[in-house]
Amino acid sequence: MTRPGRDDDPDRLYTVTKGRSRAASQAFDLVTLVVSESEPTAGMQSEHARILRMCQFPTAVVEISAELRMPITVVRILLSDLLDMGRITARHPRTAGTANHLPDSNLLEQVLVGLRNL
């Protein structure tokens, strides 16, 4: 059950992304770890501020999406904004030995759906 008027309101998501449907940066996949490089500032968009507070420690994009209760595409746009402002860094958890053994993106999407249903 979703909360009416909040999680899946297309008008709200359109406003949050300023009408954009794609992120300017391709730096974010589902398992990219995001770390804040600064504190939120006055006048900052509330979703940007929430991300900065949430990412004081490395946090995966899929976790940010679940916490904000927003689609991955919207979260990627917000993260791209913050990356362009120099407010976050993006780290890919891949190492030489495990690059080919990452979870399938479909599996991660299913986990996200399961988290949203909790």
N, C-alpha and C. Protein backbone atom coordinates (compact mmCIF):
# COMPACT_ATOMS: atom_id res chain seq x y z
N MET A 1 0.84 -1.17 0.00
CA MET A 1 0.00 0.00 0.00
C MET A 1 0.88 1.24 0.00
N THR A 2 0.65 2.16 -0.92
CA THR A 2 1.43 3.39 -0.97
C THR A 2 0.63 4.53 -0.37
N ARG A 3 1.36 5.51 0.07
CA ARG A 3 0.70 6.69 0.63
C ARG A 3 0.20 7.56 -0.52
N PRO A 4 -1.07 7.91 -0.54
CA PRO A 4 -1.59 8.72 -1.63
C PRO A 4 -0.97 10.11 -1.63
N GLY A 5 -0.70 10.61 -2.86
CA GLY A 5 -0.23 11.98 -2.99
C GLY A 5 1.25 12.18 -2.69
N ARG A 6 1.99 11.13 -2.40
CA ARG A 6 3.40 11.31 -2.05
C ARG A 6 4.31 10.48 -2.94
N ASP A 7 4.28 9.17 -2.81
CA ASP A 7 5.27 8.31 -3.43
C ASP A 7 5.20 8.25 -4.94
N ASP A 8 4.01 8.21 -5.50
CA ASP A 8 3.92 8.02 -6.94
C ASP A 8 3.11 9.12 -7.62
N ASP A 9 3.12 10.30 -7.06
CA ASP A 9 2.44 11.44 -7.65
C ASP A 9 3.29 11.96 -8.81
N PRO A 10 2.84 11.78 -10.06
CA PRO A 10 3.65 12.19 -11.20
C PRO A 10 3.97 13.68 -11.21
N ASP A 11 3.04 14.51 -10.74
CA ASP A 11 3.30 15.95 -10.70
C ASP A 11 4.45 16.28 -9.75
N ARG A 12 4.47 15.60 -8.62
CA ARG A 12 5.54 15.83 -7.65
C ARG A 12 6.88 15.39 -8.22
N LEU A 13 6.93 14.21 -8.84
CA LEU A 13 8.18 13.72 -9.41
C LEU A 13 8.65 14.62 -10.53
N TYR A 14 7.74 15.15 -11.31
CA TYR A 14 8.08 16.10 -12.38
C TYR A 14 8.71 17.35 -11.78
N THR A 15 8.15 17.82 -10.69
CA THR A 15 8.67 19.01 -10.02
C THR A 15 10.04 18.74 -9.42
N VAL A 16 10.21 17.61 -8.76
CA VAL A 16 11.48 17.25 -8.12
C VAL A 16 12.61 17.21 -9.15
N THR A 17 12.33 16.68 -10.34
CA THR A 17 13.36 16.54 -11.36
C THR A 17 13.42 17.74 -12.30
N LYS A 18 12.57 18.73 -12.07
CA LYS A 18 12.48 19.92 -12.93
C LYS A 18 12.19 19.52 -14.38
N GLY A 19 11.37 18.48 -14.52
CA GLY A 19 10.92 18.04 -15.83
C GLY A 19 11.88 17.14 -16.58
N ARG A 20 13.01 16.83 -15.98
CA ARG A 20 13.99 15.98 -16.67
C ARG A 20 13.62 14.51 -16.54
N SER A 21 13.93 13.74 -17.58
CA SER A 21 13.63 12.31 -17.54
C SER A 21 14.90 11.47 -17.52
N ARG A 22 16.06 12.11 -17.66
CA ARG A 22 17.34 11.39 -17.64
C ARG A 22 18.37 12.18 -16.84
N ALA A 23 19.24 11.43 -16.18
CA ALA A 23 20.33 12.05 -15.43
C ALA A 23 21.41 12.54 -16.40
N ALA A 24 22.06 13.64 -16.04
CA ALA A 24 23.14 14.17 -16.86
C ALA A 24 24.36 13.27 -16.80
N SER A 25 24.51 12.53 -15.72
CA SER A 25 25.66 11.66 -15.52
C SER A 25 25.25 10.20 -15.61
N GLN A 26 26.12 9.39 -16.18
CA GLN A 26 25.89 7.94 -16.25
C GLN A 26 26.65 7.23 -15.14
N ALA A 27 27.06 7.95 -14.11
CA ALA A 27 27.92 7.42 -13.05
C ALA A 27 27.19 6.52 -12.06
N PHE A 28 25.88 6.43 -12.15
CA PHE A 28 25.14 5.73 -11.10
C PHE A 28 24.42 4.49 -11.61
N ASP A 29 24.86 3.33 -11.13
CA ASP A 29 24.07 2.12 -11.33
C ASP A 29 23.47 1.77 -9.97
N LEU A 30 22.77 0.67 -9.88
CA LEU A 30 22.04 0.35 -8.65
C LEU A 30 22.93 0.14 -7.44
N VAL A 31 24.15 -0.34 -7.66
CA VAL A 31 25.03 -0.65 -6.53
C VAL A 31 26.12 0.40 -6.30
N THR A 32 26.09 1.49 -7.05
CA THR A 32 27.05 2.57 -6.84
C THR A 32 26.89 3.08 -5.41
N LEU A 33 28.00 3.25 -4.73
CA LEU A 33 27.98 3.79 -3.37
C LEU A 33 28.16 5.29 -3.43
N VAL A 34 27.30 5.99 -2.72
CA VAL A 34 27.30 7.46 -2.72
C VAL A 34 27.72 7.93 -1.34
N VAL A 35 28.62 8.93 -1.30
CA VAL A 35 29.09 9.50 -0.04
C VAL A 35 28.97 11.01 -0.10
N SER A 36 28.38 11.61 0.94
CA SER A 36 28.26 13.06 1.02
C SER A 36 29.62 13.69 1.22
N GLU A 37 29.83 14.81 0.57
CA GLU A 37 31.06 15.57 0.73
C GLU A 37 30.81 16.90 1.45
N SER A 38 29.54 17.18 1.78
CA SER A 38 29.20 18.42 2.48
C SER A 38 27.86 18.25 3.19
N GLU A 39 27.57 19.20 4.03
CA GLU A 39 26.30 19.23 4.74
C GLU A 39 25.26 19.95 3.87
N PRO A 40 23.99 19.67 4.09
CA PRO A 40 22.95 20.42 3.37
C PRO A 40 23.02 21.91 3.73
N THR A 41 22.61 22.74 2.80
CA THR A 41 22.61 24.18 3.03
C THR A 41 21.20 24.73 2.92
N ALA A 42 21.00 25.91 3.49
CA ALA A 42 19.69 26.57 3.43
C ALA A 42 19.30 26.82 1.98
N GLY A 43 18.05 26.63 1.68
CA GLY A 43 17.54 26.86 0.34
C GLY A 43 17.73 25.70 -0.61
N MET A 44 18.37 24.65 -0.15
CA MET A 44 18.60 23.47 -0.98
C MET A 44 17.30 22.69 -1.12
N GLN A 45 17.08 22.10 -2.27
CA GLN A 45 15.91 21.25 -2.49
C GLN A 45 15.88 20.17 -1.40
N SER A 46 14.72 19.92 -0.83
CA SER A 46 14.61 19.03 0.32
C SER A 46 15.10 17.62 0.02
N GLU A 47 14.86 17.12 -1.19
CA GLU A 47 15.33 15.78 -1.54
C GLU A 47 16.85 15.73 -1.61
N HIS A 48 17.47 16.78 -2.12
CA HIS A 48 18.94 16.85 -2.13
C HIS A 48 19.47 16.84 -0.69
N ALA A 49 18.85 17.61 0.18
CA ALA A 49 19.28 17.66 1.58
C ALA A 49 19.14 16.29 2.24
N ARG A 50 18.04 15.60 1.98
CA ARG A 50 17.84 14.26 2.56
C ARG A 50 18.92 13.29 2.10
N ILE A 51 19.27 13.37 0.83
CA ILE A 51 20.32 12.49 0.30
C ILE A 51 21.65 12.79 1.00
N LEU A 52 21.99 14.05 1.15
CA LEU A 52 23.25 14.40 1.81
C LEU A 52 23.30 13.89 3.24
N ARG A 53 22.20 14.02 3.96
CA ARG A 53 22.17 13.51 5.34
C ARG A 53 22.25 11.98 5.37
N MET A 54 21.58 11.34 4.44
CA MET A 54 21.52 9.88 4.38
C MET A 54 22.88 9.27 4.01
N CYS A 55 23.66 9.99 3.24
CA CYS A 55 24.90 9.43 2.68
C CYS A 55 26.15 9.88 3.43
N GLN A 56 26.04 10.12 4.71
CA GLN A 56 27.24 10.44 5.48
C GLN A 56 28.20 9.25 5.48
N PHE A 57 27.65 8.06 5.33
CA PHE A 57 28.42 6.83 5.16
C PHE A 57 28.03 6.27 3.80
N PRO A 58 28.89 5.49 3.15
CA PRO A 58 28.56 4.97 1.82
C PRO A 58 27.20 4.29 1.79
N THR A 59 26.38 4.71 0.83
CA THR A 59 25.02 4.20 0.69
C THR A 59 24.76 3.88 -0.78
N ALA A 60 24.23 2.71 -1.06
CA ALA A 60 23.96 2.29 -2.44
C ALA A 60 22.77 3.07 -3.01
N VAL A 61 22.82 3.30 -4.31
CA VAL A 61 21.75 4.02 -5.00
C VAL A 61 20.40 3.35 -4.75
N VAL A 62 20.36 2.02 -4.78
CA VAL A 62 19.12 1.30 -4.56
C VAL A 62 18.58 1.56 -3.15
N GLU A 63 19.46 1.72 -2.17
CA GLU A 63 19.03 2.03 -0.80
C GLU A 63 18.46 3.44 -0.72
N ILE A 64 19.08 4.37 -1.42
CA ILE A 64 18.59 5.76 -1.43
C ILE A 64 17.20 5.80 -2.04
N SER A 65 17.02 5.08 -3.14
CA SER A 65 15.72 5.02 -3.79
C SER A 65 14.65 4.47 -2.85
N ALA A 66 14.99 3.40 -2.14
CA ALA A 66 14.03 2.80 -1.21
C ALA A 66 13.70 3.75 -0.06
N GLU A 67 14.71 4.40 0.48
CA GLU A 67 14.50 5.33 1.61
C GLU A 67 13.66 6.54 1.19
N LEU A 68 13.94 7.08 0.01
CA LEU A 68 13.19 8.24 -0.48
C LEU A 68 11.82 7.85 -1.04
N ARG A 69 11.65 6.54 -1.29
CA ARG A 69 10.42 6.03 -1.91
C ARG A 69 10.18 6.70 -3.26
N MET A 70 11.27 6.74 -4.04
CA MET A 70 11.21 7.33 -5.37
C MET A 70 11.81 6.35 -6.37
N PRO A 71 11.36 6.43 -7.62
CA PRO A 71 11.93 5.56 -8.65
C PRO A 71 13.43 5.80 -8.84
N ILE A 72 14.13 4.76 -9.25
CA ILE A 72 15.57 4.84 -9.49
C ILE A 72 15.90 5.98 -10.46
N THR A 73 15.12 6.14 -11.52
CA THR A 73 15.43 7.19 -12.50
C THR A 73 15.41 8.58 -11.88
N VAL A 74 14.46 8.83 -10.99
CA VAL A 74 14.38 10.12 -10.30
C VAL A 74 15.58 10.29 -9.38
N VAL A 75 15.93 9.26 -8.65
CA VAL A 75 17.07 9.32 -7.73
C VAL A 75 18.37 9.57 -8.50
N ARG A 76 18.52 8.93 -9.65
CA ARG A 76 19.72 9.16 -10.47
C ARG A 76 19.82 10.62 -10.91
N ILE A 77 18.70 11.23 -11.23
CA ILE A 77 18.70 12.65 -11.62
C ILE A 77 19.15 13.51 -10.44
N LEU A 78 18.59 13.24 -9.26
CA LEU A 78 18.97 14.00 -8.07
C LEU A 78 20.45 13.80 -7.73
N LEU A 79 20.93 12.57 -7.83
CA LEU A 79 22.34 12.29 -7.56
C LEU A 79 23.24 12.97 -8.58
N SER A 80 22.82 13.01 -9.82
CA SER A 80 23.59 13.67 -10.86
C SER A 80 23.72 15.16 -10.55
N ASP A 81 22.64 15.77 -10.07
CA ASP A 81 22.68 17.18 -9.65
C ASP A 81 23.74 17.38 -8.57
N LEU A 82 23.68 16.53 -7.54
CA LEU A 82 24.61 16.65 -6.42
C LEU A 82 26.05 16.40 -6.85
N LEU A 83 26.26 15.46 -7.76
CA LEU A 83 27.60 15.20 -8.27
C LEU A 83 28.13 16.41 -9.03
N ASP A 84 27.28 17.02 -9.86
CA ASP A 84 27.67 18.21 -10.61
C ASP A 84 28.03 19.38 -9.68
N MET A 85 27.37 19.44 -8.52
CA MET A 85 27.64 20.50 -7.53
C MET A 85 28.85 20.18 -6.66
N GLY A 86 29.40 18.98 -6.81
CA GLY A 86 30.54 18.58 -5.98
C GLY A 86 30.15 18.23 -4.55
N ARG A 87 28.87 17.92 -4.33
CA ARG A 87 28.37 17.62 -2.99
C ARG A 87 28.48 16.15 -2.60
N ILE A 88 28.66 15.28 -3.60
CA ILE A 88 28.79 13.84 -3.33
C ILE A 88 29.92 13.27 -4.19
N THR A 89 30.36 12.09 -3.80
CA THR A 89 31.24 11.29 -4.66
C THR A 89 30.54 9.95 -4.88
N ALA A 90 30.83 9.36 -6.03
CA ALA A 90 30.26 8.07 -6.38
C ALA A 90 31.39 7.05 -6.46
N ARG A 91 31.20 5.96 -5.76
CA ARG A 91 32.19 4.88 -5.75
C ARG A 91 31.55 3.61 -6.24
N HIS A 92 32.23 2.95 -7.13
CA HIS A 92 31.72 1.68 -7.64
C HIS A 92 32.38 0.56 -6.85
N PRO A 93 31.61 -0.33 -6.25
CA PRO A 93 32.17 -1.36 -5.37
C PRO A 93 32.87 -2.49 -6.11
N ARG A 94 33.07 -2.37 -7.38
CA ARG A 94 33.70 -3.44 -8.16
C ARG A 94 35.19 -3.50 -7.88
N THR A 95 35.67 -4.71 -7.76
CA THR A 95 37.10 -4.94 -7.67
C THR A 95 37.48 -5.92 -8.77
N ALA A 96 38.75 -6.07 -9.04
CA ALA A 96 39.20 -6.92 -10.14
C ALA A 96 38.66 -8.35 -10.04
N GLY A 97 38.60 -8.90 -8.85
CA GLY A 97 38.17 -10.28 -8.67
C GLY A 97 36.67 -10.48 -8.68
N THR A 98 35.88 -9.43 -8.48
CA THR A 98 34.43 -9.61 -8.37
C THR A 98 33.64 -8.85 -9.42
N ALA A 99 34.29 -8.23 -10.37
CA ALA A 99 33.58 -7.40 -11.35
C ALA A 99 32.52 -8.19 -12.12
N ASN A 100 32.76 -9.46 -12.37
CA ASN A 100 31.79 -10.25 -13.13
C ASN A 100 30.79 -10.99 -12.24
N HIS A 101 30.86 -10.79 -10.94
CA HIS A 101 29.99 -11.52 -10.03
C HIS A 101 29.03 -10.61 -9.27
N LEU A 102 28.72 -9.46 -9.83
CA LEU A 102 27.78 -8.56 -9.19
C LEU A 102 26.36 -9.09 -9.36
N PRO A 103 25.47 -8.77 -8.42
CA PRO A 103 24.08 -9.22 -8.57
C PRO A 103 23.45 -8.67 -9.84
N ASP A 104 22.58 -9.43 -10.41
CA ASP A 104 21.84 -9.02 -11.59
C ASP A 104 20.96 -7.83 -11.25
N SER A 105 20.86 -6.85 -12.15
CA SER A 105 20.07 -5.66 -11.88
C SER A 105 18.59 -6.00 -11.68
N ASN A 106 18.10 -7.05 -12.33
CA ASN A 106 16.71 -7.46 -12.11
C ASN A 106 16.50 -7.93 -10.68
N LEU A 107 17.48 -8.65 -10.14
CA LEU A 107 17.41 -9.10 -8.76
C LEU A 107 17.37 -7.89 -7.81
N LEU A 108 18.21 -6.91 -8.07
CA LEU A 108 18.23 -5.72 -7.22
C LEU A 108 16.91 -4.95 -7.31
N GLU A 109 16.33 -4.88 -8.50
CA GLU A 109 15.03 -4.23 -8.66
C GLU A 109 13.97 -4.97 -7.83
N GLN A 110 14.02 -6.32 -7.82
CA GLN A 110 13.07 -7.10 -7.04
C GLN A 110 13.26 -6.85 -5.55
N VAL A 111 14.51 -6.71 -5.11
CA VAL A 111 14.79 -6.39 -3.71
C VAL A 111 14.19 -5.03 -3.37
N LEU A 112 14.37 -4.06 -4.27
CA LEU A 112 13.80 -2.73 -4.04
C LEU A 112 12.29 -2.79 -3.92
N VAL A 113 11.64 -3.55 -4.78
CA VAL A 113 10.18 -3.70 -4.70
C VAL A 113 9.79 -4.32 -3.37
N GLY A 114 10.55 -5.35 -2.95
CA GLY A 114 10.28 -5.98 -1.66
C GLY A 114 10.45 -5.01 -0.50
N LEU A 115 11.48 -4.17 -0.55
CA LEU A 115 11.68 -3.18 0.52
C LEU A 115 10.54 -2.17 0.54
N ARG A 116 10.08 -1.77 -0.63
CA ARG A 116 8.97 -0.81 -0.68
C ARG A 116 7.69 -1.41 -0.12
N ASN A 117 7.53 -2.73 -0.24
CA ASN A 117 6.33 -3.39 0.23
C ASN A 117 6.34 -3.64 1.75
N LEU A 118 7.46 -3.39 2.39
CA LEU A 118 7.53 -3.62 3.85
C LEU A 118 6.69 -2.63 4.62
